[in-house]
C-alpha atoms as a PDB file:
ATOM      1  CA  MET A   1      79.923  84.298 149.318  1.00  0.00           C
ATOM      2  CA  ASN A   2      77.823  87.144 147.974  1.00  0.00           C
ATOM      3  CA  ARG A   3      78.128  90.890 148.627  1.00  0.00           C
ATOM      4  CA  ASN A   4      75.586  90.872 151.464  1.00  0.00           C
ATOM      5  CA  GLU A   5      77.310  87.982 153.287  1.00  0.00           C
ATOM      6  CA  TYR A   6      80.646  89.751 152.846  1.00  0.00           C
ATOM      7  CA  ASN A   7      79.302  93.018 154.285  1.00  0.00           C
ATOM      8  CA  ILE A   8      77.750  91.242 157.273  1.00  0.00           C
ATOM      9  CA  LEU A   9      81.000  89.380 157.950  1.00  0.00           C
ATOM     10  CA  VAL A  10      83.074  92.555 157.739  1.00  0.00           C
ATOM     11  CA  GLU A  11      80.689  94.362 160.078  1.00  0.00           C
ATOM     12  CA  LYS A  12      80.681  91.499 162.603  1.00  0.00           C
ATOM     13  CA  GLN A  13      84.379  90.654 162.563  1.00  0.00           C
ATOM     14  CA  SER A  14      86.213  93.912 161.854  1.00  0.00           C
ATOM     15  CA  LYS A  15      86.446  94.860 165.534  1.00  0.00           C
ATOM     16  CA  ASN A  16      87.702  91.417 166.588  1.00  0.00           C
ATOM     17  CA  LEU A  17      90.206  91.202 163.746  1.00  0.00           C
ATOM     18  CA  PHE A  18      91.493  94.703 164.439  1.00  0.00           C
ATOM     19  CA  GLY A  19      91.830  93.870 168.153  1.00  0.00           C
ATOM     20  CA  PHE A  20      93.837  90.760 167.354  1.00  0.00           C
ATOM     21  CA  VAL A  21      96.154  92.551 164.926  1.00  0.00           C
ATOM     22  CA  PHE A  22      96.521  95.655 167.111  1.00  0.00           C
ATOM     23  CA  LYS A  23      97.416  93.614 170.199  1.00  0.00           C
ATOM     24  CA  TYR A  24     100.120  91.949 168.142  1.00  0.00           C
ATOM     25  CA  LEU A  25     101.553  95.124 166.584  1.00  0.00           C
ATOM     26  CA  ARG A  26     100.671  97.840 169.133  1.00  0.00           C
ATOM     27  CA  ASN A  27     100.322 100.303 166.242  1.00  0.00           C
ATOM     28  CA  SER A  28      96.872 101.320 165.016  1.00  0.00           C
ATOM     29  CA  GLU A  29      97.978 102.505 161.574  1.00  0.00           C
ATOM     30  CA  ASP A  30      99.751  99.256 160.753  1.00  0.00           C
ATOM     31  CA  ALA A  31      96.870  97.269 162.246  1.00  0.00           C
ATOM     32  CA  ASN A  32      94.354  99.141 160.079  1.00  0.00           C
ATOM     33  CA  ASP A  33      96.478  98.468 156.994  1.00  0.00           C
ATOM     34  CA  ILE A  34      96.644  94.751 157.694  1.00  0.00           C
ATOM     35  CA  VAL A  35      92.908  94.504 158.443  1.00  0.00           C
ATOM     36  CA  GLN A  36      92.110  96.321 155.208  1.00  0.00           C
ATOM     37  CA  ASP A  37      94.421  93.984 153.300  1.00  0.00           C
ATOM     38  CA  VAL A  38      92.656  90.980 154.817  1.00  0.00           C
ATOM     39  CA  PHE A  39      89.247  92.342 153.811  1.00  0.00           C
ATOM     40  CA  GLU A  40      90.516  93.078 150.315  1.00  0.00           C
ATOM     41  CA  LYS A  41      91.844  89.521 149.962  1.00  0.00           C
ATOM     42  CA  LEU A  42      88.567  88.189 151.314  1.00  0.00           C
ATOM     43  CA  TRP A  43      86.647  90.127 148.675  1.00  0.00           C
ATOM     44  CA  LYS A  44      88.942  88.939 145.886  1.00  0.00           C
ATOM     45  CA  ASN A  45      88.596  85.321 147.056  1.00  0.00           C
ATOM     46  CA  ARG A  46      84.894  85.480 147.988  1.00  0.00           C
ATOM     47  CA  LYS A  47      83.918  82.938 145.325  1.00  0.00           C
ATOM     48  CA  LYS A  48      86.343  80.367 146.753  1.00  0.00           C
ATOM     49  CA  ILE A  49      85.501  80.881 150.444  1.00  0.00           C
ATOM     50  CA  GLU A  50      82.411  79.466 152.115  1.00  0.00           C
ATOM     51  CA  SER A  51      80.614  81.825 154.503  1.00  0.00           C
ATOM     52  CA  SER A  52      80.874  79.250 157.291  1.00  0.00           C
ATOM     53  CA  SER A  53      84.687  79.193 157.145  1.00  0.00           C
ATOM     54  CA  ALA A  54      85.249  82.877 156.326  1.00  0.00           C
ATOM     55  CA  LYS A  55      85.921  83.904 159.936  1.00  0.00           C
ATOM     56  CA  ALA A  56      88.694  81.337 160.335  1.00  0.00           C
ATOM     57  CA  TRP A  57      90.048  82.290 156.906  1.00  0.00           C
ATOM     58  CA  MET A  58      90.199  85.980 157.926  1.00  0.00           C
ATOM     59  CA  PHE A  59      92.082  85.314 161.163  1.00  0.00           C
ATOM     60  CA  ARG A  60      94.459  82.902 159.413  1.00  0.00           C
ATOM     61  CA  SER A  61      95.066  85.496 156.715  1.00  0.00           C
ATOM     62  CA  GLY A  62      95.601  88.139 159.403  1.00  0.00           C
ATOM     63  CA  HIS A  63      98.044  85.875 161.220  1.00  0.00           C
ATOM     64  CA  ASN A  64      99.977  85.258 158.004  1.00  0.00           C
ATOM     65  CA  ALA A  65     100.068  89.000 157.288  1.00  0.00           C
ATOM     66  CA  LEU A  66     101.432  89.606 160.787  1.00  0.00           C
ATOM     67  CA  ILE A  67     104.180  87.039 160.272  1.00  0.00           C
ATOM     68  CA  ASN A  68     105.153  88.655 156.962  1.00  0.00           C
ATOM     69  CA  PHE A  69     105.022  92.122 158.521  1.00  0.00           C
ATOM     70  CA  ALA A  70     107.237  91.017 161.428  1.00  0.00           C
ATOM     71  CA  LYS A  71     109.776  89.447 159.069  1.00  0.00           C
ATOM     72  CA  LYS A  72     109.872  92.552 156.901  1.00  0.00           C
ATOM     73  CA  LYS A  73     110.193  94.834 159.921  1.00  0.00           C
ATOM     74  CA  SER A  74     112.990  92.744 161.451  1.00  0.00           C
ATOM     75  CA  ARG A  75     114.975  93.123 158.227  1.00  0.00           C
ATOM     76  CA  THR A  76     114.570  96.904 158.221  1.00  0.00           C
ATOM     77  CA  ASP A  77     114.542  97.666 161.946  1.00  0.00           C
ATOM     78  CA  TYR A  78     118.010  97.247 163.372  1.00  0.00           C
ATOM     79  CA  CYS A  79     117.312  98.567 166.839  1.00  0.00           C
ATOM     80  CA  GLY A  80     114.481  96.472 168.241  1.00  0.00           C
ATOM     81  CA  GLU A  81     113.074  97.011 171.684  1.00  0.00           C
ATOM     82  CA  HIS A  82     114.203  94.632 174.384  1.00  0.00           C
ATOM     83  CA  LEU A  83     113.009  93.809 177.828  1.00  0.00           C
ATOM     84  CA  PRO A  84     114.461  95.913 180.592  1.00  0.00           C
ATOM     85  CA  GLU A  85     117.382  94.301 182.345  1.00  0.00           C
ATOM     86  CA  VAL A  86     116.730  92.448 185.586  1.00  0.00           C
ATOM     87  CA  GLY A  87     116.629  94.927 188.445  1.00  0.00           C
ATOM     88  CA  ARG A  88     116.377  97.859 186.034  1.00  0.00           C
ATOM     89  CA  VAL A  89     112.639  98.011 185.522  1.00  0.00           C
ATOM     90  CA  ASP A  90     111.493 101.591 185.713  1.00  0.00           C
ATOM     91  CA  ASN A  91     108.837 102.088 188.372  1.00  0.00           C
ATOM     92  CA  THR A  92     106.667 103.933 185.843  1.00  0.00           C
ATOM     93  CA  PHE A  93     106.065 100.691 183.950  1.00  0.00           C
ATOM     94  CA  GLU A  94     102.668  99.323 184.667  1.00  0.00           C
ATOM     95  CA  THR A  95     101.909  95.635 184.793  1.00  0.00           C
ATOM     96  CA  LYS A  96     100.160  95.728 181.426  1.00  0.00           C
ATOM     97  CA  GLN A  97     103.176  97.306 179.758  1.00  0.00           C
ATOM     98  CA  ILE A  98     105.463  94.666 181.206  1.00  0.00           C
ATOM     99  CA  VAL A  99     103.205  91.840 180.043  1.00  0.00           C
ATOM    100  CA  ASP A 100     103.052  93.416 176.572  1.00  0.00           C
ATOM    101  CA  LYS A 101     106.856  93.524 176.439  1.00  0.00           C
ATOM    102  CA  VAL A 102     107.069  89.873 177.450  1.00  0.00           C
ATOM    103  CA  LEU A 103     104.425  88.990 174.866  1.00  0.00           C
ATOM    104  CA  GLU A 104     106.566  90.675 172.195  1.00  0.00           C
ATOM    105  CA  THR A 105     109.385  88.192 172.871  1.00  0.00           C
ATOM    106  CA  LEU A 106     107.301  85.139 171.950  1.00  0.00           C
ATOM    107  CA  PRO A 107     107.672  83.452 168.565  1.00  0.00           C
ATOM    108  CA  PRO A 108     104.920  84.574 166.151  1.00  0.00           C
ATOM    109  CA  LEU A 109     102.871  81.371 166.323  1.00  0.00           C
ATOM    110  CA  GLN A 110     102.889  81.280 170.127  1.00  0.00           C
ATOM    111  CA  LYS A 111     102.045  84.958 170.282  1.00  0.00           C
ATOM    112  CA  SER A 112      99.087  84.486 167.932  1.00  0.00           C
ATOM    113  CA  ILE A 113      97.812  81.565 169.988  1.00  0.00           C
ATOM    114  CA  VAL A 114      98.027  83.521 173.246  1.00  0.00           C
ATOM    115  CA  LEU A 115      96.239  86.495 171.686  1.00  0.00           C
ATOM    116  CA  LEU A 116      93.520  84.385 170.072  1.00  0.00           C
ATOM    117  CA  ARG A 117      92.910  82.465 173.300  1.00  0.00           C
ATOM    118  CA  ASP A 118      93.314  85.124 175.975  1.00  0.00           C
ATOM    119  CA  LEU A 119      92.316  88.288 174.123  1.00  0.00           C
ATOM    120  CA  GLU A 120      89.745  87.028 171.635  1.00  0.00           C
ATOM    121  CA  GLY A 121      88.448  84.071 173.668  1.00  0.00           C
ATOM    122  CA  TYR A 122      88.619  81.420 170.944  1.00  0.00           C
ATOM    123  CA  ASN A 123      88.632  77.789 172.009  1.00  0.00           C
ATOM    124  CA  TYR A 124      91.412  75.351 171.105  1.00  0.00           C
ATOM    125  CA  GLN A 125      89.546  73.879 168.149  1.00  0.00           C
ATOM    126  CA  GLU A 126      88.808  77.306 166.639  1.00  0.00           C
ATOM    127  CA  ILE A 127      92.418  78.395 167.051  1.00  0.00           C
ATOM    128  CA  GLY A 128      93.540  75.172 165.359  1.00  0.00           C
ATOM    129  CA  GLU A 129      91.235  75.891 162.428  1.00  0.00           C
ATOM    130  CA  ILE A 130      92.419  79.484 162.142  1.00  0.00           C
ATOM    131  CA  LEU A 131      96.114  78.613 162.244  1.00  0.00           C
ATOM    132  CA  LYS A 132      95.793  75.244 160.463  1.00  0.00           C
ATOM    133  CA  ILE A 133      97.354  73.233 163.271  1.00  0.00           C
ATOM    134  CA  SER A 134      95.938  70.456 165.424  1.00  0.00           C
ATOM    135  CA  GLU A 135      94.088  71.150 168.641  1.00  0.00           C
ATOM    136  CA  SER A 136      96.778  69.309 170.607  1.00  0.00           C
ATOM    137  CA  LYS A 137      99.507  71.515 169.080  1.00  0.00           C
ATOM    138  CA  VAL A 138      97.501  74.588 170.084  1.00  0.00           C
ATOM    139  CA  LYS A 139      97.490  73.335 173.683  1.00  0.00           C
ATOM    140  CA  VAL A 140     101.207  72.559 173.635  1.00  0.00           C
ATOM    141  CA  TYR A 141     102.181  75.921 172.110  1.00  0.00           C
ATOM    142  CA  LEU A 142      99.907  77.776 174.509  1.00  0.00           C
ATOM    143  CA  PHE A 143     101.431  75.937 177.467  1.00  0.00           C
ATOM    144  CA  ARG A 144     104.963  76.697 176.267  1.00  0.00           C
ATOM    145  CA  ALA A 145     104.142  80.340 175.615  1.00  0.00           C
ATOM    146  CA  ARG A 146     102.641  80.813 179.054  1.00  0.00           C
ATOM    147  CA  LYS A 147     105.606  79.062 180.697  1.00  0.00           C
ATOM    148  CA  LYS A 148     108.029  81.279 178.772  1.00  0.00           C
ATOM    149  CA  MET A 149     106.088  84.393 179.758  1.00  0.00           C
ATOM    150  CA  GLN A 150     105.890  83.261 183.368  1.00  0.00           C
ATOM    151  CA  LYS A 151     109.653  82.661 183.485  1.00  0.00           C
ATOM    152  CA  GLN A 152     110.413  86.088 182.019  1.00  0.00           C
ATOM    153  CA  LEU A 153     107.987  87.814 184.368  1.00  0.00           C
ATOM    154  CA  LYS A 154     109.613  86.080 187.344  1.00  0.00           C
ATOM    155  CA  ASN A 155     113.026  87.363 186.224  1.00  0.00           C
ATOM    156  CA  LEU A 156     111.862  90.961 186.236  1.00  0.00           C
ATOM    157  CA  THR A 157     112.168  92.854 189.454  1.00  0.00           C
ATOM    158  CA  VAL A 158     109.200  95.181 189.536  1.00  0.00           C
ATOM    159  CA  TYR A 159     109.990  96.751 192.881  1.00  0.00           C
ATOM    160  CA  LYS A 160     113.316  98.399 193.353  1.00  0.00           C
END
């Protein structure tokens, strides 16, 4: 990959990559840091990466960075946020906030699959390429993630 191809890729994909990372972290500063790290790694590895597979490489690299970030944060953050208790949902919560909280409870791989599919609109094959898993595993993990989210959403009492 040459400098021009790199610049075009960064321009085309920076918004999508940031959206994916931000939806996962819900913090723009951390999301910007991870996106910049991905672009830096892409530049350093540009001679090894084909332009045709660079998009998948970037999202896979972003996913891996998110996993590492989450592990590091869980070691240093002793008071994580939890879902509100059943029947104790504050009426000021909006549906989006509740769904975001439920999304936070998913394992990292399932969360990435849900975000890539539902937020970014990737198909099963593309998600499999990005995360280096089979298309059938993508479908299974997506199904399990949605079932888990559905179960947790059912357990929440939105109206008091």
